[in-house]
């Protein structure tokens, strides 16, 4: 699957600005892809969302790595 035009974002309506997935990035069926995303807060609850080219949320993960 070609992820060109897709974006990574944190919490909807706030937080860091969405970041574009680099053009030409692909993901094979059942595959996993890692991205560097400095806008994710690791000191408290936060979320990472994958948005398709139309801005529709396709996947999301919430995490909390604080003490």
Protein backbone atom coordinates (compact mmCIF):
# COMPACT_ATOMS: atom_id res chain seq x y z
CA UNK A 1 0.00 0.00 0.00
CA UNK A 2 1.35 3.43 -0.93
CA UNK A 3 1.21 5.83 2.04
CA UNK A 4 2.04 8.94 0.00
CA UNK A 5 -0.17 11.80 1.23
CA UNK A 6 -0.87 10.11 4.57
CA UNK A 7 -0.02 11.83 7.88
CA UNK A 8 0.99 11.01 11.43
CA UNK A 9 -0.62 13.06 14.18
CA UNK A 10 -1.03 13.01 17.91
CA UNK A 11 -4.26 13.85 19.67
CA UNK A 12 -7.06 15.15 17.41
CA UNK A 13 -7.64 18.89 17.55
CA UNK A 14 -4.51 19.71 19.55
CA UNK A 15 -0.92 18.85 20.26
CA UNK A 16 1.70 18.83 17.52
CA UNK A 17 0.90 19.54 13.88
CA UNK A 18 0.34 16.48 11.66
CA UNK A 19 3.47 15.27 9.87
CA UNK A 20 3.43 13.95 6.31
CA UNK A 21 4.56 10.40 5.66
CA UNK A 22 7.45 10.68 3.16
CA UNK A 23 6.38 10.32 -0.49
CA UNK A 24 6.96 6.85 -1.90
CA UNK A 25 6.60 5.14 1.50
CA UNK A 26 4.93 1.76 1.13
CA UNK A 27 3.58 -0.81 3.54
CA UNK A 28 3.21 -4.46 2.53
CA UNK A 29 0.11 -6.41 3.57
CA UNK A 30 0.51 -7.40 7.23
CA UNK A 31 3.64 -5.24 7.44
CA UNK A 32 4.83 -2.83 10.09
CA UNK A 33 6.57 0.49 9.56
CA UNK A 34 8.31 2.65 12.20
CA UNK A 35 8.45 6.44 11.98
CA UNK A 36 10.30 9.04 14.05
CA UNK A 37 7.73 11.46 15.44
CA UNK A 38 9.05 13.95 17.98
CA UNK A 39 5.62 15.37 18.81
CA UNK A 40 4.56 12.39 20.92
CA UNK A 41 4.61 13.06 24.65
CA UNK A 42 6.29 10.24 26.57
CA UNK A 43 5.90 11.90 29.99
CA UNK A 44 2.11 11.61 30.10
CA UNK A 45 -0.79 10.09 28.20
CA UNK A 46 -0.71 10.81 24.47
CA UNK A 47 -1.83 9.28 21.20
CA UNK A 48 -0.37 8.59 17.76
CA UNK A 49 -2.82 8.54 14.86
CA UNK A 50 -2.38 7.47 11.24
CA UNK A 51 -4.48 9.55 8.84
CA UNK A 52 -5.08 8.63 5.20
CA UNK A 53 -4.76 11.14 2.34
CA UNK A 54 -8.35 12.34 2.97
CA UNK A 55 -7.57 12.97 6.67
CA UNK A 56 -9.58 9.99 7.90
CA UNK A 57 -8.10 8.22 10.93
CA UNK A 58 -7.07 4.71 9.88
CA UNK A 59 -5.29 3.60 13.07
CA UNK A 60 -4.38 4.99 16.48
CA UNK A 61 -2.39 3.95 19.54
CA UNK A 62 -2.42 5.54 22.97
CA UNK A 63 0.47 5.25 25.37
CA UNK A 64 1.83 6.39 28.68
CA UNK A 65 5.46 5.82 29.58
CA UNK A 66 5.66 8.05 32.66
CA UNK A 67 6.85 7.04 36.11
